[in-house]
Amino acid sequence: MKPEKKAVAMSEEEKAVFNILKSNTPIPLNELKTQSGLSNKKWDKTIKGLTKNNLAAVNKTDDGLFVELI
């Protein structure tokens, strides 16, 4: 039997950024930050929370930094 996946508890900021990512992935990091409207401290905490829970990943390419859902 496969173990059940448990829902990850997300803050309101994480939910908002996750919903932006669902509709547009991958998205440039600066554009996502602007769309989220979060302060630098909240943005940092939010993106770290999403990557820690394996919900999103930040990738560096020749074109810049992009965030995408996993």
N, C-alpha and C. Protein backbone atom coordinates (compact mmCIF):
# COMPACT_ATOMS: atom_id res chain seq x y z
N MET A 1 0.83 -1.17 0.00
CA MET A 1 0.00 0.00 0.00
C MET A 1 0.88 1.25 0.00
N LYS A 2 0.42 2.24 -0.73
CA LYS A 2 1.15 3.50 -0.77
C LYS A 2 0.77 4.34 0.43
N PRO A 3 1.75 5.04 0.99
CA PRO A 3 1.39 5.94 2.09
C PRO A 3 0.55 7.09 1.58
N GLU A 4 -0.36 7.55 2.42
CA GLU A 4 -1.22 8.67 2.02
C GLU A 4 -0.41 9.96 2.05
N LYS A 5 -0.68 10.81 1.06
CA LYS A 5 -0.04 12.12 1.06
C LYS A 5 -0.83 13.03 1.98
N LYS A 6 -0.11 13.65 2.90
CA LYS A 6 -0.77 14.57 3.82
C LYS A 6 -0.71 15.97 3.24
N ALA A 7 -1.77 16.72 3.44
CA ALA A 7 -1.82 18.10 2.97
C ALA A 7 -0.80 18.92 3.74
N VAL A 8 -0.08 19.76 3.02
CA VAL A 8 0.92 20.60 3.64
C VAL A 8 0.24 21.87 4.15
N ALA A 9 0.49 22.20 5.40
CA ALA A 9 -0.08 23.43 5.96
C ALA A 9 0.68 24.62 5.38
N MET A 10 -0.07 25.54 4.76
CA MET A 10 0.55 26.71 4.14
C MET A 10 -0.02 27.98 4.76
N SER A 11 0.82 29.00 4.83
CA SER A 11 0.35 30.30 5.30
C SER A 11 -0.46 30.95 4.18
N GLU A 12 -1.13 32.04 4.50
CA GLU A 12 -1.93 32.75 3.49
C GLU A 12 -1.04 33.26 2.36
N GLU A 13 0.17 33.74 2.70
CA GLU A 13 1.09 34.24 1.69
C GLU A 13 1.53 33.11 0.76
N GLU A 14 1.83 31.94 1.34
CA GLU A 14 2.24 30.79 0.54
C GLU A 14 1.11 30.34 -0.39
N LYS A 15 -0.12 30.37 0.10
CA LYS A 15 -1.27 30.00 -0.74
C LYS A 15 -1.41 30.96 -1.91
N ALA A 16 -1.23 32.26 -1.65
CA ALA A 16 -1.36 33.26 -2.71
C ALA A 16 -0.30 33.06 -3.78
N VAL A 17 0.95 32.85 -3.38
CA VAL A 17 2.04 32.65 -4.34
C VAL A 17 1.83 31.33 -5.08
N PHE A 18 1.38 30.29 -4.37
CA PHE A 18 1.12 28.99 -5.00
C PHE A 18 0.05 29.12 -6.08
N ASN A 19 -1.01 29.90 -5.81
CA ASN A 19 -2.07 30.09 -6.80
C ASN A 19 -1.58 30.85 -8.02
N ILE A 20 -0.68 31.81 -7.83
CA ILE A 20 -0.09 32.51 -8.97
C ILE A 20 0.72 31.53 -9.80
N LEU A 21 1.47 30.67 -9.13
CA LEU A 21 2.29 29.68 -9.84
C LEU A 21 1.44 28.66 -10.60
N LYS A 22 0.28 28.28 -10.03
CA LYS A 22 -0.59 27.31 -10.71
C LYS A 22 -1.05 27.82 -12.06
N SER A 23 -1.29 29.12 -12.15
CA SER A 23 -1.80 29.67 -13.41
C SER A 23 -0.68 30.05 -14.37
N ASN A 24 0.55 30.17 -13.89
CA ASN A 24 1.63 30.62 -14.76
C ASN A 24 2.95 30.04 -14.26
N THR A 25 3.35 28.89 -14.79
CA THR A 25 4.61 28.28 -14.38
C THR A 25 5.38 27.79 -15.60
N PRO A 26 6.65 27.95 -15.73
CA PRO A 26 7.52 28.75 -14.86
C PRO A 26 7.32 30.23 -15.08
N ILE A 27 7.68 31.00 -14.08
CA ILE A 27 7.52 32.46 -14.12
C ILE A 27 8.81 33.09 -13.60
N PRO A 28 9.24 34.19 -14.21
CA PRO A 28 10.44 34.86 -13.70
C PRO A 28 10.27 35.25 -12.23
N LEU A 29 11.30 35.06 -11.44
CA LEU A 29 11.23 35.30 -10.01
C LEU A 29 10.82 36.73 -9.70
N ASN A 30 11.40 37.71 -10.39
CA ASN A 30 11.05 39.11 -10.12
C ASN A 30 9.60 39.42 -10.43
N GLU A 31 9.08 38.81 -11.49
CA GLU A 31 7.67 39.02 -11.86
C GLU A 31 6.75 38.43 -10.79
N LEU A 32 7.08 37.23 -10.31
CA LEU A 32 6.28 36.58 -9.27
C LEU A 32 6.32 37.41 -7.99
N LYS A 33 7.48 37.92 -7.64
CA LYS A 33 7.61 38.74 -6.43
C LYS A 33 6.75 40.00 -6.55
N THR A 34 6.76 40.63 -7.72
CA THR A 34 5.95 41.82 -7.94
C THR A 34 4.46 41.50 -7.85
N GLN A 35 4.05 40.40 -8.49
CA GLN A 35 2.63 40.02 -8.48
C GLN A 35 2.15 39.68 -7.07
N SER A 36 3.02 39.11 -6.26
CA SER A 36 2.62 38.72 -4.90
C SER A 36 2.39 39.93 -4.01
N GLY A 37 3.13 41.02 -4.24
CA GLY A 37 2.98 42.23 -3.45
C GLY A 37 3.47 42.10 -2.02
N LEU A 38 4.35 41.14 -1.76
CA LEU A 38 4.85 40.92 -0.41
C LEU A 38 6.09 41.76 -0.12
N SER A 39 6.30 42.06 1.14
CA SER A 39 7.52 42.75 1.54
C SER A 39 8.70 41.78 1.38
N ASN A 40 9.91 42.31 1.42
CA ASN A 40 11.08 41.45 1.23
C ASN A 40 11.15 40.34 2.26
N LYS A 41 10.86 40.66 3.52
CA LYS A 41 10.92 39.65 4.58
C LYS A 41 9.87 38.56 4.37
N LYS A 42 8.63 38.97 4.08
CA LYS A 42 7.56 37.98 3.85
C LYS A 42 7.83 37.17 2.59
N TRP A 43 8.35 37.82 1.54
CA TRP A 43 8.66 37.11 0.30
C TRP A 43 9.69 36.03 0.57
N ASP A 44 10.75 36.37 1.28
CA ASP A 44 11.82 35.42 1.58
C ASP A 44 11.28 34.22 2.36
N LYS A 45 10.48 34.49 3.38
CA LYS A 45 9.90 33.43 4.20
C LYS A 45 8.96 32.55 3.37
N THR A 46 8.17 33.17 2.50
CA THR A 46 7.19 32.44 1.68
C THR A 46 7.87 31.53 0.68
N ILE A 47 8.85 32.04 -0.07
CA ILE A 47 9.48 31.23 -1.11
C ILE A 47 10.31 30.11 -0.48
N LYS A 48 10.91 30.37 0.68
CA LYS A 48 11.65 29.32 1.39
C LYS A 48 10.70 28.23 1.87
N GLY A 49 9.52 28.62 2.34
CA GLY A 49 8.53 27.63 2.79
C GLY A 49 8.05 26.75 1.65
N LEU A 50 7.81 27.34 0.48
CA LEU A 50 7.35 26.56 -0.67
C LEU A 50 8.43 25.61 -1.17
N THR A 51 9.68 26.06 -1.19
CA THR A 51 10.76 25.18 -1.67
C THR A 51 11.07 24.10 -0.64
N LYS A 52 10.99 24.43 0.65
CA LYS A 52 11.26 23.45 1.70
C LYS A 52 10.25 22.30 1.66
N ASN A 53 9.00 22.63 1.35
CA ASN A 53 7.94 21.62 1.28
C ASN A 53 7.83 20.96 -0.10
N ASN A 54 8.83 21.19 -0.95
CA ASN A 54 8.87 20.61 -2.30
C ASN A 54 7.63 20.92 -3.12
N LEU A 55 7.14 22.15 -3.01
CA LEU A 55 6.00 22.58 -3.81
C LEU A 55 6.45 23.42 -4.99
N ALA A 56 7.59 24.10 -4.83
CA ALA A 56 8.11 24.97 -5.89
C ALA A 56 9.62 24.85 -5.91
N ALA A 57 10.20 25.23 -7.05
CA ALA A 57 11.65 25.22 -7.20
C ALA A 57 12.09 26.48 -7.92
N VAL A 58 13.24 26.99 -7.51
CA VAL A 58 13.83 28.15 -8.17
C VAL A 58 14.97 27.63 -9.03
N ASN A 59 14.92 27.95 -10.32
CA ASN A 59 15.94 27.49 -11.26
C ASN A 59 16.64 28.66 -11.91
N LYS A 60 17.96 28.56 -12.00
CA LYS A 60 18.74 29.61 -12.66
C LYS A 60 19.09 29.14 -14.07
N THR A 61 18.71 29.95 -15.06
CA THR A 61 19.04 29.65 -16.44
C THR A 61 19.81 30.82 -17.01
N ASP A 62 20.20 30.72 -18.28
CA ASP A 62 20.88 31.83 -18.94
C ASP A 62 19.97 33.05 -19.04
N ASP A 63 18.65 32.83 -19.04
CA ASP A 63 17.68 33.91 -19.16
C ASP A 63 17.35 34.57 -17.81
N GLY A 64 17.76 33.96 -16.70
CA GLY A 64 17.49 34.53 -15.38
C GLY A 64 16.98 33.48 -14.41
N LEU A 65 16.41 33.96 -13.30
CA LEU A 65 15.85 33.09 -12.27
C LEU A 65 14.37 32.86 -12.52
N PHE A 66 13.96 31.59 -12.47
CA PHE A 66 12.57 31.24 -12.71
C PHE A 66 12.07 30.37 -11.56
N VAL A 67 10.79 30.52 -11.23
CA VAL A 67 10.15 29.71 -10.20
C VAL A 67 9.10 28.85 -10.90
N GLU A 68 9.07 27.57 -10.54
CA GLU A 68 8.07 26.66 -11.13
C GLU A 68 7.57 25.68 -10.09
N LEU A 69 6.39 25.16 -10.32
CA LEU A 69 5.83 24.14 -9.45
C LEU A 69 6.53 22.81 -9.69
N ILE A 70 6.62 22.02 -8.65
CA ILE A 70 7.22 20.68 -8.78
C ILE A 70 6.11 19.67 -8.94
